[in-house]
């Protein structure tokens, strides 16, 4: 089941990936492009995932069942 620690665990994984991508980027004239592409892609994917995760974990509007009879 999902718990409140998942965003922090995901953040650690993304931080490790970004650190690895920083040092593993191929050397050359395009090293800055490689680094920025990998880091920005990882951060964008993490943000999309964490926003969706938190929106489902704590919804602003509770779903209302339409198949119940009013009392």
C-alpha atoms as a PDB file:
ATOM      1  CA  UNK A   1       0.000   0.000   0.000  1.00  0.00           C
ATOM      2  CA  UNK A   2       0.988   3.576  -0.502  1.00  0.00           C
ATOM      3  CA  UNK A   3       2.298   5.491   2.450  1.00  0.00           C
ATOM      4  CA  UNK A   4       3.619   8.951   3.188  1.00  0.00           C
ATOM      5  CA  UNK A   5       7.262   7.942   2.791  1.00  0.00           C
ATOM      6  CA  UNK A   6       7.027   7.130  -0.940  1.00  0.00           C
ATOM      7  CA  UNK A   7       7.732  10.712  -2.155  1.00  0.00           C
ATOM      8  CA  UNK A   8      10.853  10.856   0.016  1.00  0.00           C
ATOM      9  CA  UNK A   9      12.077   7.478  -1.202  1.00  0.00           C
ATOM     10  CA  UNK A  10      11.440   8.602  -4.781  1.00  0.00           C
ATOM     11  CA  UNK A  11      13.339  11.816  -4.108  1.00  0.00           C
ATOM     12  CA  UNK A  12      16.345   9.852  -2.877  1.00  0.00           C
ATOM     13  CA  UNK A  13      16.250   7.621  -5.966  1.00  0.00           C
ATOM     14  CA  UNK A  14      16.030  10.626  -8.291  1.00  0.00           C
ATOM     15  CA  UNK A  15      18.841  12.398  -6.424  1.00  0.00           C
ATOM     16  CA  UNK A  16      21.053   9.320  -6.788  1.00  0.00           C
ATOM     17  CA  UNK A  17      20.210   9.117 -10.487  1.00  0.00           C
ATOM     18  CA  UNK A  18      21.007  12.809 -10.964  1.00  0.00           C
ATOM     19  CA  UNK A  19      24.321  12.398  -9.168  1.00  0.00           C
ATOM     20  CA  UNK A  20      25.184   9.387 -11.294  1.00  0.00           C
ATOM     21  CA  UNK A  21      24.151  11.161 -14.474  1.00  0.00           C
ATOM     22  CA  UNK A  22      26.287  14.165 -13.515  1.00  0.00           C
ATOM     23  CA  UNK A  23      29.453  12.095 -13.237  1.00  0.00           C
ATOM     24  CA  UNK A  24      28.652   9.551 -15.980  1.00  0.00           C
ATOM     25  CA  UNK A  25      27.928  12.125 -18.681  1.00  0.00           C
ATOM     26  CA  UNK A  26      30.195  11.538 -21.673  1.00  0.00           C
ATOM     27  CA  UNK A  27      33.149  13.878 -21.883  1.00  0.00           C
ATOM     28  CA  UNK A  28      33.333  16.288 -24.769  1.00  0.00           C
ATOM     29  CA  UNK A  29      31.880  19.512 -26.004  1.00  0.00           C
ATOM     30  CA  UNK A  30      28.308  18.343 -25.333  1.00  0.00           C
ATOM     31  CA  UNK A  31      28.863  17.331 -21.708  1.00  0.00           C
ATOM     32  CA  UNK A  32      26.769  20.229 -20.417  1.00  0.00           C
ATOM     33  CA  UNK A  33      23.915  19.297 -22.744  1.00  0.00           C
ATOM     34  CA  UNK A  34      23.994  15.680 -21.570  1.00  0.00           C
ATOM     35  CA  UNK A  35      24.047  16.669 -17.914  1.00  0.00           C
ATOM     36  CA  UNK A  36      21.246  19.175 -18.163  1.00  0.00           C
ATOM     37  CA  UNK A  37      19.092  16.847 -20.282  1.00  0.00           C
ATOM     38  CA  UNK A  38      19.386  13.920 -17.889  1.00  0.00           C
ATOM     39  CA  UNK A  39      18.942  15.967 -14.724  1.00  0.00           C
ATOM     40  CA  UNK A  40      16.018  18.024 -16.031  1.00  0.00           C
ATOM     41  CA  UNK A  41      14.290  14.914 -17.400  1.00  0.00           C
ATOM     42  CA  UNK A  42      14.618  13.101 -14.069  1.00  0.00           C
ATOM     43  CA  UNK A  43      13.330  16.107 -12.112  1.00  0.00           C
ATOM     44  CA  UNK A  44      10.383  16.603 -14.476  1.00  0.00           C
ATOM     45  CA  UNK A  45       9.396  12.936 -14.257  1.00  0.00           C
ATOM     46  CA  UNK A  46       9.680  13.001 -10.460  1.00  0.00           C
ATOM     47  CA  UNK A  47       7.523  16.125 -10.211  1.00  0.00           C
ATOM     48  CA  UNK A  48       4.817  14.643 -12.439  1.00  0.00           C
ATOM     49  CA  UNK A  49       4.823  11.426 -10.423  1.00  0.00           C
ATOM     50  CA  UNK A  50       4.811  13.091  -6.982  1.00  0.00           C
ATOM     51  CA  UNK A  51       2.030  15.536  -7.889  1.00  0.00           C
ATOM     52  CA  UNK A  52      -0.147  12.685  -9.154  1.00  0.00           C
ATOM     53  CA  UNK A  53       0.712  10.547  -6.124  1.00  0.00           C
ATOM     54  CA  UNK A  54      -0.099  13.269  -3.612  1.00  0.00           C
ATOM     55  CA  UNK A  55      -3.310  14.207  -5.436  1.00  0.00           C
ATOM     56  CA  UNK A  56      -4.503  10.618  -5.043  1.00  0.00           C
ATOM     57  CA  UNK A  57      -3.231  10.269  -1.482  1.00  0.00           C
ATOM     58  CA  UNK A  58      -5.015  13.424  -0.241  1.00  0.00           C
ATOM     59  CA  UNK A  59      -7.780  14.400  -2.684  1.00  0.00           C
ATOM     60  CA  UNK A  60      -9.195  17.913  -2.411  1.00  0.00           C
ATOM     61  CA  UNK A  61     -12.709  16.770  -3.327  1.00  0.00           C
ATOM     62  CA  UNK A  62     -14.064  13.474  -2.010  1.00  0.00           C
ATOM     63  CA  UNK A  63     -15.778  11.291  -4.598  1.00  0.00           C
ATOM     64  CA  UNK A  64     -19.559  11.064  -4.268  1.00  0.00           C
ATOM     65  CA  UNK A  65     -21.340   7.835  -5.113  1.00  0.00           C
ATOM     66  CA  UNK A  66     -24.255   8.374  -7.439  1.00  0.00           C
ATOM     67  CA  UNK A  67     -25.867   4.960  -6.964  1.00  0.00           C
ATOM     68  CA  UNK A  68     -27.030   5.615  -3.380  1.00  0.00           C
ATOM     69  CA  UNK A  69     -30.584   6.578  -2.527  1.00  0.00           C
ATOM     70  CA  UNK A  70     -31.025   9.838  -0.624  1.00  0.00           C
ATOM     71  CA  UNK A  71     -32.263   9.331   2.910  1.00  0.00           C
END
